[in-house]
Amino acid sequence: MARYTGSVCRQCRREGMKLFLKGDRCYTEKCALTLRHTPPGMHGQGRKKQSEYGVQLREKQKVRRAYGIMESQFHKYYEMATNMRGVTGENMLSLIERRLDNVAYRLNLGESRPMARQMVTHGHVLVNGNKVDIASYQVKVGDVISVRERSRDIPFFAALKEQGAKRTVPQWLELDSENLTGKVLALPQREDIDLTIEEHLIVEFYSR
């Protein structure tokens, strides 16, 4: 599967906002966006006002990069959302939030989404007691996410067990940091998503 291998800080600078791709570093003065506010590239400071298409494209790219999803898969989420009842944009965000790598991140099983994805693909995360190493796996209400027994001695998980969660866990999830387990209590709602997203622009982009 193709994946982005360049500088993740460059992605934040391009979108003009923190995508929290480097975990705790994003909250410090070392964050690249804090040091340099301009987009990357020699013409970053001289970019002209964006067209309507450009605004829609940037919104799509921002969400795609924040969650670490390639274009083809992101478009599939849009197509799935259009076939669901309700608001297309909100349905799409709900599907993306229910990805296993994102759920692992929300449960503090990774400092960032890229780290949480690595934990999943390396087989450290279980769903209902079974190893699931597919980052895009869709969790369901009632699913129990846990850390594999022999992975619990990894320093990161050991620290989580001793110190508890660093970030607030959303209401649709429940975390037992002492036992390194989490549970899906409900489907994520629009207000549960903390990123600044205007999903209607993404729907307009794909509806052209």
N, C-alpha and C. Protein backbone atom coordinates (compact mmCIF):
# COMPACT_ATOMS: atom_id res chain seq x y z
N MET A 1 0.84 -1.20 0.00
CA MET A 1 0.00 0.00 0.00
C MET A 1 0.88 1.25 0.00
N ALA A 2 0.53 2.22 -0.83
CA ALA A 2 1.31 3.45 -0.91
C ALA A 2 1.11 4.26 0.36
N ARG A 3 2.14 5.00 0.76
CA ARG A 3 2.03 5.86 1.92
C ARG A 3 3.00 7.03 1.77
N TYR A 4 2.69 8.11 2.46
CA TYR A 4 3.52 9.31 2.41
C TYR A 4 4.77 9.09 3.26
N THR A 5 5.94 9.37 2.69
CA THR A 5 7.19 9.14 3.41
C THR A 5 7.99 10.43 3.61
N GLY A 6 7.42 11.56 3.24
CA GLY A 6 8.12 12.83 3.38
C GLY A 6 7.95 13.42 4.78
N SER A 7 8.31 14.68 4.93
CA SER A 7 8.21 15.37 6.22
C SER A 7 6.75 15.64 6.56
N VAL A 8 6.31 15.17 7.72
CA VAL A 8 4.93 15.40 8.11
C VAL A 8 4.72 16.86 8.52
N CYS A 9 5.77 17.50 9.01
CA CYS A 9 5.66 18.92 9.37
C CYS A 9 5.38 19.76 8.13
N ARG A 10 5.88 19.32 7.00
CA ARG A 10 5.63 20.02 5.74
C ARG A 10 4.14 20.00 5.41
N GLN A 11 3.47 18.92 5.76
CA GLN A 11 2.03 18.82 5.50
C GLN A 11 1.26 19.83 6.36
N CYS A 12 1.66 19.97 7.60
CA CYS A 12 0.99 20.94 8.48
C CYS A 12 1.17 22.36 7.94
N ARG A 13 2.39 22.66 7.50
CA ARG A 13 2.66 24.00 6.96
C ARG A 13 1.85 24.24 5.69
N ARG A 14 1.70 23.22 4.88
CA ARG A 14 0.94 23.38 3.63
C ARG A 14 -0.53 23.67 3.91
N GLU A 15 -1.08 23.03 4.94
CA GLU A 15 -2.50 23.23 5.25
C GLU A 15 -2.72 24.40 6.19
N GLY A 16 -1.63 24.96 6.73
CA GLY A 16 -1.75 26.14 7.58
C GLY A 16 -2.36 25.88 8.94
N MET A 17 -2.29 24.64 9.43
CA MET A 17 -2.82 24.31 10.75
C MET A 17 -2.14 23.06 11.28
N LYS A 18 -2.18 22.89 12.58
CA LYS A 18 -1.58 21.71 13.19
C LYS A 18 -2.45 20.49 12.94
N LEU A 19 -1.84 19.45 12.37
CA LEU A 19 -2.53 18.19 12.13
C LEU A 19 -2.15 17.16 13.19
N PHE A 20 -1.27 17.53 14.10
CA PHE A 20 -0.85 16.69 15.23
C PHE A 20 -0.32 15.34 14.76
N LEU A 21 0.61 15.40 13.80
CA LEU A 21 1.18 14.18 13.22
C LEU A 21 2.45 13.74 13.94
N LYS A 22 2.93 14.57 14.88
CA LYS A 22 4.14 14.20 15.63
C LYS A 22 3.90 14.12 17.14
N GLY A 23 2.66 13.93 17.51
CA GLY A 23 2.35 13.73 18.92
C GLY A 23 2.68 14.93 19.79
N ASP A 24 3.38 14.66 20.90
CA ASP A 24 3.67 15.69 21.89
C ASP A 24 4.47 16.86 21.33
N ARG A 25 5.30 16.60 20.33
CA ARG A 25 6.12 17.67 19.74
C ARG A 25 5.25 18.80 19.19
N CYS A 26 4.06 18.47 18.73
CA CYS A 26 3.16 19.47 18.14
C CYS A 26 2.69 20.49 19.17
N TYR A 27 2.83 20.17 20.46
CA TYR A 27 2.38 21.07 21.51
C TYR A 27 3.52 21.93 22.06
N THR A 28 4.72 21.75 21.51
CA THR A 28 5.88 22.48 22.00
C THR A 28 6.29 23.59 21.03
N GLU A 29 7.29 24.37 21.43
CA GLU A 29 7.80 25.44 20.57
C GLU A 29 8.60 24.90 19.39
N LYS A 30 8.90 23.61 19.41
CA LYS A 30 9.65 23.00 18.31
C LYS A 30 8.77 22.66 17.11
N CYS A 31 7.46 22.84 17.27
CA CYS A 31 6.53 22.57 16.17
C CYS A 31 6.91 23.45 14.97
N ALA A 32 7.01 22.82 13.81
CA ALA A 32 7.42 23.54 12.60
C ALA A 32 6.46 24.67 12.24
N LEU A 33 5.19 24.48 12.56
CA LEU A 33 4.20 25.52 12.23
C LEU A 33 4.38 26.74 13.13
N THR A 34 4.89 26.52 14.32
CA THR A 34 5.16 27.64 15.24
C THR A 34 6.37 28.43 14.77
N LEU A 35 7.35 27.71 14.21
CA LEU A 35 8.59 28.35 13.76
C LEU A 35 8.43 29.02 12.41
N ARG A 36 7.64 28.39 11.53
CA ARG A 36 7.47 28.92 10.17
C ARG A 36 6.00 28.85 9.80
N HIS A 37 5.39 30.02 9.61
CA HIS A 37 3.96 30.08 9.34
C HIS A 37 3.61 29.97 7.85
N THR A 38 4.61 30.10 7.00
CA THR A 38 4.34 30.11 5.57
C THR A 38 4.29 28.69 5.00
N PRO A 39 3.56 28.49 3.89
CA PRO A 39 3.54 27.19 3.23
C PRO A 39 4.93 26.82 2.73
N PRO A 40 5.21 25.53 2.53
CA PRO A 40 6.54 25.13 2.06
C PRO A 40 6.76 25.53 0.61
N GLY A 41 8.02 25.55 0.19
CA GLY A 41 8.33 25.88 -1.19
C GLY A 41 8.78 27.32 -1.34
N MET A 42 9.52 27.58 -2.41
CA MET A 42 10.08 28.91 -2.62
C MET A 42 9.02 29.97 -2.90
N HIS A 43 7.82 29.54 -3.31
CA HIS A 43 6.77 30.50 -3.62
C HIS A 43 5.71 30.54 -2.52
N GLY A 44 6.02 29.96 -1.37
CA GLY A 44 5.04 29.87 -0.30
C GLY A 44 4.47 31.20 0.14
N GLN A 45 5.32 32.21 0.26
CA GLN A 45 4.86 33.51 0.74
C GLN A 45 4.09 34.29 -0.31
N GLY A 46 4.22 33.91 -1.56
CA GLY A 46 3.58 34.69 -2.61
C GLY A 46 2.36 34.03 -3.22
N ARG A 47 1.76 33.08 -2.49
CA ARG A 47 0.59 32.40 -3.03
C ARG A 47 -0.58 33.37 -3.17
N LYS A 48 -1.29 33.26 -4.28
CA LYS A 48 -2.41 34.14 -4.54
C LYS A 48 -3.67 33.63 -3.83
N LYS A 49 -4.70 34.44 -3.84
CA LYS A 49 -5.96 34.06 -3.23
C LYS A 49 -6.51 32.83 -3.93
N GLN A 50 -7.00 31.88 -3.13
CA GLN A 50 -7.45 30.62 -3.69
C GLN A 50 -8.82 30.75 -4.34
N SER A 51 -9.01 29.96 -5.39
CA SER A 51 -10.31 29.88 -6.05
C SER A 51 -11.24 29.02 -5.21
N GLU A 52 -12.50 28.94 -5.61
CA GLU A 52 -13.46 28.10 -4.90
C GLU A 52 -13.01 26.64 -4.94
N TYR A 53 -12.53 26.22 -6.10
CA TYR A 53 -12.01 24.86 -6.25
C TYR A 53 -10.81 24.65 -5.33
N GLY A 54 -9.93 25.64 -5.25
CA GLY A 54 -8.74 25.52 -4.41
C GLY A 54 -9.09 25.38 -2.94
N VAL A 55 -10.10 26.12 -2.48
CA VAL A 55 -10.54 26.04 -1.08
C VAL A 55 -11.08 24.64 -0.78
N GLN A 56 -11.88 24.11 -1.71
CA GLN A 56 -12.44 22.77 -1.53
C GLN A 56 -11.35 21.71 -1.52
N LEU A 57 -10.39 21.85 -2.41
CA LEU A 57 -9.28 20.90 -2.49
C LEU A 57 -8.46 20.91 -1.21
N ARG A 58 -8.16 22.09 -0.70
CA ARG A 58 -7.36 22.19 0.51
C ARG A 58 -8.07 21.55 1.70
N GLU A 59 -9.39 21.70 1.77
CA GLU A 59 -10.15 21.09 2.87
C GLU A 59 -10.08 19.57 2.80
N LYS A 60 -10.19 19.04 1.58
CA LYS A 60 -10.09 17.59 1.40
C LYS A 60 -8.70 17.11 1.78
N GLN A 61 -7.68 17.81 1.31
CA GLN A 61 -6.31 17.41 1.58
C GLN A 61 -6.00 17.48 3.08
N LYS A 62 -6.55 18.49 3.74
CA LYS A 62 -6.32 18.65 5.17
C LYS A 62 -6.83 17.44 5.95
N VAL A 63 -8.05 17.02 5.65
CA VAL A 63 -8.63 15.87 6.36
C VAL A 63 -7.89 14.59 5.99
N ARG A 64 -7.57 14.45 4.72
CA ARG A 64 -6.87 13.25 4.26
C ARG A 64 -5.52 13.10 4.95
N ARG A 65 -4.80 14.20 5.07
CA ARG A 65 -3.48 14.17 5.68
C ARG A 65 -3.56 14.00 7.19
N ALA A 66 -4.55 14.60 7.82
CA ALA A 66 -4.70 14.47 9.27
C ALA A 66 -4.91 13.03 9.68
N TYR A 67 -5.71 12.29 8.88
CA TYR A 67 -6.01 10.90 9.20
C TYR A 67 -5.08 9.91 8.50
N GLY A 68 -4.22 10.41 7.62
CA GLY A 68 -3.27 9.54 6.94
C GLY A 68 -3.91 8.59 5.95
N ILE A 69 -4.83 9.09 5.13
CA ILE A 69 -5.57 8.25 4.19
C ILE A 69 -5.19 8.63 2.76
N MET A 70 -4.97 7.63 1.93
CA MET A 70 -4.66 7.89 0.53
C MET A 70 -5.92 8.30 -0.23
N GLU A 71 -5.73 8.92 -1.39
CA GLU A 71 -6.85 9.50 -2.14
C GLU A 71 -7.93 8.49 -2.51
N SER A 72 -7.53 7.33 -3.04
CA SER A 72 -8.52 6.35 -3.49
C SER A 72 -9.40 5.87 -2.34
N GLN A 73 -8.78 5.64 -1.18
CA GLN A 73 -9.55 5.17 -0.03
C GLN A 73 -10.44 6.29 0.52
N PHE A 74 -9.93 7.50 0.51
CA PHE A 74 -10.72 8.63 0.99
C PHE A 74 -11.97 8.80 0.12
N HIS A 75 -11.81 8.66 -1.18
CA HIS A 75 -12.96 8.77 -2.08
C HIS A 75 -13.97 7.67 -1.84
N LYS A 76 -13.50 6.49 -1.45
CA LYS A 76 -14.41 5.38 -1.13
C LYS A 76 -15.27 5.71 0.08
N TYR A 77 -14.66 6.40 1.05
CA TYR A 77 -15.45 6.80 2.23
C TYR A 77 -16.56 7.76 1.82
N TYR A 78 -16.25 8.65 0.88
CA TYR A 78 -17.27 9.58 0.39
C TYR A 78 -18.39 8.81 -0.30
N GLU A 79 -18.04 7.85 -1.12
CA GLU A 79 -19.06 7.07 -1.83
C GLU A 79 -19.91 6.26 -0.86
N MET A 80 -19.28 5.69 0.15
CA MET A 80 -20.03 4.96 1.17
C MET A 80 -20.99 5.89 1.91
N ALA A 81 -20.52 7.10 2.20
CA ALA A 81 -21.34 8.07 2.95
C ALA A 81 -22.56 8.51 2.15
N THR A 82 -22.41 8.62 0.82
CA THR A 82 -23.54 9.06 0.00
C THR A 82 -24.64 8.01 -0.03
N ASN A 83 -24.31 6.76 0.24
CA ASN A 83 -25.30 5.68 0.23
C ASN A 83 -25.90 5.42 1.61
N MET A 84 -25.49 6.23 2.60
CA MET A 84 -26.02 6.09 3.95
C MET A 84 -27.09 7.14 4.20
N ARG A 85 -27.97 6.87 5.12
CA ARG A 85 -28.99 7.85 5.49
C ARG A 85 -28.35 8.93 6.34
N GLY A 86 -28.81 10.16 6.17
CA GLY A 86 -28.26 11.27 6.94
C GLY A 86 -27.46 12.23 6.09
N VAL A 87 -26.68 13.06 6.75
CA VAL A 87 -25.87 14.07 6.08
C VAL A 87 -24.58 13.43 5.58
N THR A 88 -24.30 13.58 4.30
CA THR A 88 -23.16 12.91 3.68
C THR A 88 -21.83 13.26 4.36
N GLY A 89 -21.59 14.54 4.59
CA GLY A 89 -20.33 14.95 5.18
C GLY A 89 -20.12 14.37 6.57
N GLU A 90 -21.16 14.38 7.38
CA GLU A 90 -21.06 13.85 8.74
C GLU A 90 -20.90 12.33 8.71
N ASN A 91 -21.58 11.67 7.78
CA ASN A 91 -21.43 10.22 7.63
C ASN A 91 -19.99 9.86 7.27
N MET A 92 -19.40 10.64 6.39
CA MET A 92 -18.04 10.38 5.95
C MET A 92 -17.05 10.52 7.11
N LEU A 93 -17.20 11.58 7.90
CA LEU A 93 -16.32 11.78 9.04
C LEU A 93 -16.50 10.69 10.08
N SER A 94 -17.73 10.22 10.25
CA SER A 94 -18.00 9.14 11.20
C SER A 94 -17.30 7.86 10.76
N LEU A 95 -17.33 7.55 9.48
CA LEU A 95 -16.66 6.36 8.96
C LEU A 95 -15.15 6.45 9.18
N ILE A 96 -14.60 7.63 8.95
CA ILE A 96 -13.16 7.82 9.11
C ILE A 96 -12.76 7.71 10.58
N GLU A 97 -13.59 8.27 11.47
CA GLU A 97 -13.30 8.22 12.90
C GLU A 97 -13.32 6.78 13.41
N ARG A 98 -14.08 5.92 12.75
CA ARG A 98 -14.21 4.54 13.22
C ARG A 98 -13.11 3.62 12.69
N ARG A 99 -12.15 4.17 11.98
CA ARG A 99 -11.00 3.38 11.59
C ARG A 99 -10.24 2.92 12.83
N LEU A 100 -9.72 1.71 12.80
CA LEU A 100 -9.06 1.17 13.97
C LEU A 100 -7.84 1.99 14.38
N ASP A 101 -7.07 2.47 13.40
CA ASP A 101 -5.88 3.27 13.76
C ASP A 101 -6.28 4.56 14.46
N ASN A 102 -7.39 5.18 14.02
CA ASN A 102 -7.85 6.40 14.67
C ASN A 102 -8.39 6.10 16.06
N VAL A 103 -9.13 4.99 16.20
CA VAL A 103 -9.66 4.61 17.51
C VAL A 103 -8.51 4.34 18.49
N ALA A 104 -7.46 3.68 18.00
CA ALA A 104 -6.29 3.43 18.85
C ALA A 104 -5.67 4.76 19.29
N TYR A 105 -5.62 5.72 18.39
CA TYR A 105 -5.10 7.05 18.73
C TYR A 105 -5.98 7.74 19.75
N ARG A 106 -7.29 7.68 19.54
CA ARG A 106 -8.23 8.31 20.47
C ARG A 106 -8.15 7.69 21.86
N LEU A 107 -7.78 6.40 21.91
CA LEU A 107 -7.66 5.70 23.19
C LEU A 107 -6.27 5.86 23.81
N ASN A 108 -5.46 6.73 23.21
CA ASN A 108 -4.10 7.01 23.70
C ASN A 108 -3.15 5.83 23.53
N LEU A 109 -3.43 4.95 22.58
CA LEU A 109 -2.53 3.83 22.30
C LEU A 109 -1.45 4.23 21.30
N GLY A 110 -1.29 5.52 21.09
CA GLY A 110 -0.27 6.07 20.22
C GLY A 110 -0.23 7.57 20.43
N GLU A 111 0.96 8.17 20.42
CA GLU A 111 1.08 9.61 20.63
C GLU A 111 0.50 10.40 19.45
N SER A 112 0.47 9.78 18.29
CA SER A 112 -0.05 10.41 17.09
C SER A 112 -0.77 9.34 16.27
N ARG A 113 -1.50 9.76 15.25
CA ARG A 113 -2.17 8.77 14.40
C ARG A 113 -1.17 7.89 13.66
N PRO A 114 -0.06 8.45 13.14
CA PRO A 114 0.93 7.57 12.51
C PRO A 114 1.48 6.52 13.47
N MET A 115 1.72 6.90 14.73
CA MET A 115 2.23 5.94 15.70
C MET A 115 1.17 4.90 16.03
N ALA A 116 -0.09 5.33 16.18
CA ALA A 116 -1.18 4.39 16.46
C ALA A 116 -1.35 3.42 15.30
N ARG A 117 -1.20 3.92 14.06
CA ARG A 117 -1.31 3.04 12.89
C ARG A 117 -0.21 1.99 12.92
N GLN A 118 0.99 2.39 13.32
CA GLN A 118 2.09 1.45 13.41
C GLN A 118 1.81 0.39 14.47
N MET A 119 1.24 0.79 15.59
CA MET A 119 0.89 -0.17 16.63
C MET A 119 -0.10 -1.21 16.11
N VAL A 120 -1.04 -0.75 15.28
CA VAL A 120 -2.05 -1.66 14.72
C VAL A 120 -1.41 -2.60 13.70
N THR A 121 -0.67 -2.05 12.76
CA THR A 121 -0.11 -2.87 11.68
C THR A 121 0.95 -3.84 12.18
N HIS A 122 1.56 -3.54 13.32
CA HIS A 122 2.56 -4.43 13.90
C HIS A 122 1.94 -5.50 14.80
N GLY A 123 0.62 -5.49 14.89
CA GLY A 123 -0.08 -6.55 15.61
C GLY A 123 -0.15 -6.39 17.11
N HIS A 124 0.03 -5.16 17.63
CA HIS A 124 -0.02 -4.95 19.07
C HIS A 124 -1.44 -4.75 19.60
N VAL A 125 -2.39 -4.54 18.70
CA VAL A 125 -3.76 -4.20 19.10
C VAL A 125 -4.72 -5.34 18.76
N LEU A 126 -5.60 -5.64 19.71
CA LEU A 126 -6.61 -6.69 19.54
C LEU A 126 -7.99 -6.07 19.50
N VAL A 127 -8.89 -6.68 18.75
CA VAL A 127 -10.30 -6.29 18.72
C VAL A 127 -11.11 -7.51 19.15
N ASN A 128 -11.79 -7.39 20.27
CA ASN A 128 -12.55 -8.50 20.83
C ASN A 128 -11.68 -9.74 21.02
N GLY A 129 -10.43 -9.52 21.41
CA GLY A 129 -9.51 -10.62 21.70
C GLY A 129 -8.79 -11.18 20.50
N ASN A 130 -9.08 -10.68 19.30
CA ASN A 130 -8.45 -11.17 18.08
C ASN A 130 -7.52 -10.12 17.48
N LYS A 131 -6.36 -10.55 17.00
CA LYS A 131 -5.43 -9.60 16.41
C LYS A 131 -5.98 -9.06 15.10
N VAL A 132 -5.99 -7.75 14.98
CA VAL A 132 -6.42 -7.09 13.74
C VAL A 132 -5.31 -6.13 13.35
N ASP A 133 -4.65 -6.40 12.24
CA ASP A 133 -3.53 -5.55 11.81
C ASP A 133 -3.86 -4.72 10.59
N ILE A 134 -5.16 -4.47 10.39
CA ILE A 134 -5.62 -3.66 9.27
C ILE A 134 -6.04 -2.29 9.81
N ALA A 135 -5.30 -1.27 9.47
CA ALA A 135 -5.53 0.08 10.02
C ALA A 135 -6.92 0.61 9.70
N SER A 136 -7.47 0.25 8.54
CA SER A 136 -8.76 0.78 8.10
C SER A 136 -9.95 -0.02 8.63
N TYR A 137 -9.70 -1.03 9.45
CA TYR A 137 -10.79 -1.84 10.01
C TYR A 137 -11.80 -0.95 10.70
N GLN A 138 -13.09 -1.17 10.41
CA GLN A 138 -14.16 -0.36 10.99
C GLN A 138 -14.67 -0.98 12.28
N VAL A 139 -14.49 -0.26 13.38
CA VAL A 139 -14.98 -0.77 14.65
C VAL A 139 -16.49 -0.59 14.73
N LYS A 140 -17.13 -1.38 15.59
CA LYS A 140 -18.57 -1.32 15.78
C LYS A 140 -18.88 -1.07 17.25
N VAL A 141 -20.10 -0.65 17.52
CA VAL A 141 -20.52 -0.43 18.90
C VAL A 141 -20.41 -1.74 19.67
N GLY A 142 -19.78 -1.68 20.82
CA GLY A 142 -19.61 -2.87 21.64
C GLY A 142 -18.25 -3.52 21.49
N ASP A 143 -17.50 -3.15 20.46
CA ASP A 143 -16.17 -3.73 20.26
C ASP A 143 -15.25 -3.34 21.42
N VAL A 144 -14.41 -4.29 21.82
CA VAL A 144 -13.43 -4.05 22.87
C VAL A 144 -12.05 -4.05 22.24
N ILE A 145 -11.33 -2.96 22.39
CA ILE A 145 -9.98 -2.82 21.83
C ILE A 145 -8.99 -2.95 22.99
N SER A 146 -7.99 -3.77 22.82
CA SER A 146 -7.02 -3.99 23.90
C SER A 146 -5.62 -4.15 23.33
N VAL A 147 -4.64 -4.12 24.22
CA VAL A 147 -3.25 -4.31 23.83
C VAL A 147 -2.89 -5.78 24.05
N ARG A 148 -2.23 -6.38 23.06
CA ARG A 148 -1.83 -7.77 23.16
C ARG A 148 -0.99 -8.00 24.42
N GLU A 149 -1.20 -9.12 25.08
CA GLU A 149 -0.56 -9.40 26.37
C GLU A 149 0.95 -9.24 26.32
N ARG A 150 1.59 -9.82 25.33
CA ARG A 150 3.05 -9.77 25.29
C ARG A 150 3.59 -8.44 24.79
N SER A 151 2.69 -7.52 24.43
CA SER A 151 3.11 -6.19 24.01
C SER A 151 3.02 -5.18 25.14
N ARG A 152 2.49 -5.58 26.27
CA ARG A 152 2.23 -4.64 27.35
C ARG A 152 3.48 -4.16 28.07
N ASP A 153 4.60 -4.84 27.82
CA ASP A 153 5.86 -4.42 28.43
C ASP A 153 6.59 -3.36 27.60
N ILE A 154 6.06 -3.05 26.41
CA ILE A 154 6.64 -1.97 25.61
C ILE A 154 6.58 -0.69 26.44
N PRO A 155 7.69 0.05 26.55
CA PRO A 155 7.73 1.25 27.40
C PRO A 155 6.54 2.19 27.24
N PHE A 156 6.09 2.40 26.02
CA PHE A 156 4.98 3.34 25.80
C PHE A 156 3.72 2.84 26.49
N PHE A 157 3.39 1.55 26.33
CA PHE A 157 2.19 1.00 26.95
C PHE A 157 2.35 0.91 28.47
N ALA A 158 3.56 0.60 28.93
CA ALA A 158 3.82 0.54 30.37
C ALA A 158 3.59 1.91 31.02
N ALA A 159 4.01 2.98 30.32
CA ALA A 159 3.82 4.34 30.83
C ALA A 159 2.34 4.70 30.87
N LEU A 160 1.60 4.29 29.84
CA LEU A 160 0.16 4.55 29.80
C LEU A 160 -0.54 3.86 30.96
N LYS A 161 -0.11 2.65 31.26
CA LYS A 161 -0.71 1.88 32.35
C LYS A 161 -0.44 2.53 33.70
N GLU A 162 0.74 3.08 33.87
CA GLU A 162 1.12 3.67 35.15
C GLU A 162 0.62 5.11 35.32
N GLN A 163 0.70 5.89 34.25
CA GLN A 163 0.41 7.32 34.35
C GLN A 163 -0.98 7.70 33.87
N GLY A 164 -1.64 6.82 33.13
CA GLY A 164 -2.96 7.13 32.60
C GLY A 164 -2.88 7.87 31.28
N ALA A 165 -4.03 8.23 30.73
CA ALA A 165 -4.09 8.86 29.41
C ALA A 165 -3.63 10.32 29.46
N LYS A 166 -2.90 10.73 28.43
CA LYS A 166 -2.46 12.12 28.32
C LYS A 166 -3.54 12.99 27.71
N ARG A 167 -4.28 12.43 26.77
CA ARG A 167 -5.33 13.19 26.09
C ARG A 167 -6.71 12.73 26.54
N THR A 168 -7.67 13.62 26.43
CA THR A 168 -9.04 13.30 26.79
C THR A 168 -9.63 12.31 25.79
N VAL A 169 -10.27 11.28 26.29
CA VAL A 169 -10.91 10.28 25.43
C VAL A 169 -12.31 10.76 25.08
N PRO A 170 -12.71 10.74 23.80
CA PRO A 170 -14.05 11.21 23.42
C PRO A 170 -15.15 10.38 24.07
N GLN A 171 -16.34 10.96 24.14
CA GLN A 171 -17.45 10.34 24.86
C GLN A 171 -17.91 9.03 24.24
N TRP A 172 -17.65 8.82 22.96
CA TRP A 172 -18.14 7.59 22.33
C TRP A 172 -17.21 6.40 22.60
N LEU A 173 -16.11 6.67 23.30
CA LEU A 173 -15.18 5.61 23.68
C LEU A 173 -14.98 5.59 25.19
N GLU A 174 -14.55 4.45 25.68
CA GLU A 174 -14.25 4.30 27.11
C GLU A 174 -12.88 3.65 27.24
N LEU A 175 -12.04 4.22 28.09
CA LEU A 175 -10.68 3.70 28.26
C LEU A 175 -10.44 3.25 29.69
N ASP A 176 -9.89 2.07 29.82
CA ASP A 176 -9.40 1.55 31.10
C ASP A 176 -7.88 1.46 30.96
N SER A 177 -7.19 2.56 31.30
CA SER A 177 -5.74 2.62 31.08
C SER A 177 -4.99 1.62 31.94
N GLU A 178 -5.53 1.27 33.10
CA GLU A 178 -4.84 0.32 33.98
C GLU A 178 -4.77 -1.06 33.35
N ASN A 179 -5.84 -1.43 32.62
CA ASN A 179 -5.87 -2.74 31.96
C ASN A 179 -5.58 -2.65 30.47
N LEU A 180 -5.29 -1.42 29.98
CA LEU A 180 -4.98 -1.18 28.57
C LEU A 180 -6.07 -1.71 27.65
N THR A 181 -7.30 -1.40 27.99
CA THR A 181 -8.44 -1.79 27.17
C THR A 181 -9.36 -0.60 26.94
N GLY A 182 -10.06 -0.63 25.84
CA GLY A 182 -11.03 0.41 25.54
C GLY A 182 -12.27 -0.22 24.93
N LYS A 183 -13.37 0.50 24.97
CA LYS A 183 -14.62 -0.03 24.43
C LYS A 183 -15.33 1.04 23.62
N VAL A 184 -15.97 0.62 22.53
CA VAL A 184 -16.74 1.53 21.69
C VAL A 184 -18.15 1.59 22.26
N LEU A 185 -18.52 2.72 22.83
CA LEU A 185 -19.82 2.87 23.48
C LEU A 185 -20.92 3.28 22.51
N ALA A 186 -20.54 4.03 21.48
CA ALA A 186 -21.52 4.53 20.52
C ALA A 186 -20.80 4.92 19.24
N LEU A 187 -21.56 5.27 18.22
CA LEU A 187 -20.96 5.76 16.99
C LEU A 187 -20.54 7.22 17.19
N PRO A 188 -19.42 7.63 16.63
CA PRO A 188 -18.97 9.02 16.79
C PRO A 188 -19.92 10.00 16.13
N GLN A 189 -20.19 11.10 16.82
CA GLN A 189 -21.05 12.16 16.30
C GLN A 189 -20.19 13.33 15.83
N ARG A 190 -20.79 14.25 15.11
CA ARG A 190 -20.04 15.37 14.55
C ARG A 190 -19.34 16.18 15.63
N GLU A 191 -19.98 16.36 16.77
CA GLU A 191 -19.38 17.17 17.83
C GLU A 191 -18.21 16.48 18.53
N ASP A 192 -18.02 15.19 18.25
CA ASP A 192 -16.90 14.46 18.86
C ASP A 192 -15.58 14.69 18.12
N ILE A 193 -15.64 15.28 16.95
CA ILE A 193 -14.44 15.48 16.14
C ILE A 193 -13.83 16.84 16.47
N ASP A 194 -12.59 16.82 16.95
CA ASP A 194 -11.98 18.05 17.45
C ASP A 194 -11.21 18.84 16.40
N LEU A 195 -11.02 18.28 15.21
CA LEU A 195 -10.34 19.02 14.15
C LEU A 195 -11.30 20.05 13.55
N THR A 196 -10.74 21.19 13.13
CA THR A 196 -11.56 22.21 12.47
C THR A 196 -11.77 21.79 11.02
N ILE A 197 -12.95 21.27 10.73
CA ILE A 197 -13.25 20.72 9.41
C ILE A 197 -14.56 21.29 8.88
N GLU A 198 -14.56 21.71 7.64
CA GLU A 198 -15.78 22.13 6.96
C GLU A 198 -16.10 21.05 5.92
N GLU A 199 -16.75 20.01 6.38
CA GLU A 199 -16.96 18.83 5.53
C GLU A 199 -17.83 19.11 4.31
N HIS A 200 -18.66 20.16 4.37
CA HIS A 200 -19.49 20.46 3.20
C HIS A 200 -18.63 20.84 1.99
N LEU A 201 -17.45 21.39 2.24
CA LEU A 201 -16.55 21.74 1.13
C LEU A 201 -16.02 20.48 0.44
N ILE A 202 -15.80 19.43 1.22
CA ILE A 202 -15.34 18.16 0.64
C ILE A 202 -16.44 17.53 -0.20
N VAL A 203 -17.66 17.59 0.31
CA VAL A 203 -18.81 17.06 -0.45
C VAL A 203 -18.97 17.83 -1.74
N GLU A 204 -18.82 19.16 -1.69
CA GLU A 204 -18.92 19.97 -2.90
C GLU A 204 -17.81 19.63 -3.89
N PHE A 205 -16.61 19.34 -3.37
CA PHE A 205 -15.48 18.99 -4.23
C PHE A 205 -15.79 17.74 -5.03
N TYR A 206 -16.29 16.71 -4.37
CA TYR A 206 -16.58 15.44 -5.05
C TYR A 206 -17.88 15.47 -5.85
N SER A 207 -18.71 16.49 -5.59
CA SER A 207 -20.00 16.57 -6.28
C SER A 207 -19.92 17.38 -7.57
N ARG A 208 -18.73 17.88 -7.89
CA ARG A 208 -18.59 18.71 -9.08
C ARG A 208 -18.98 17.94 -10.34
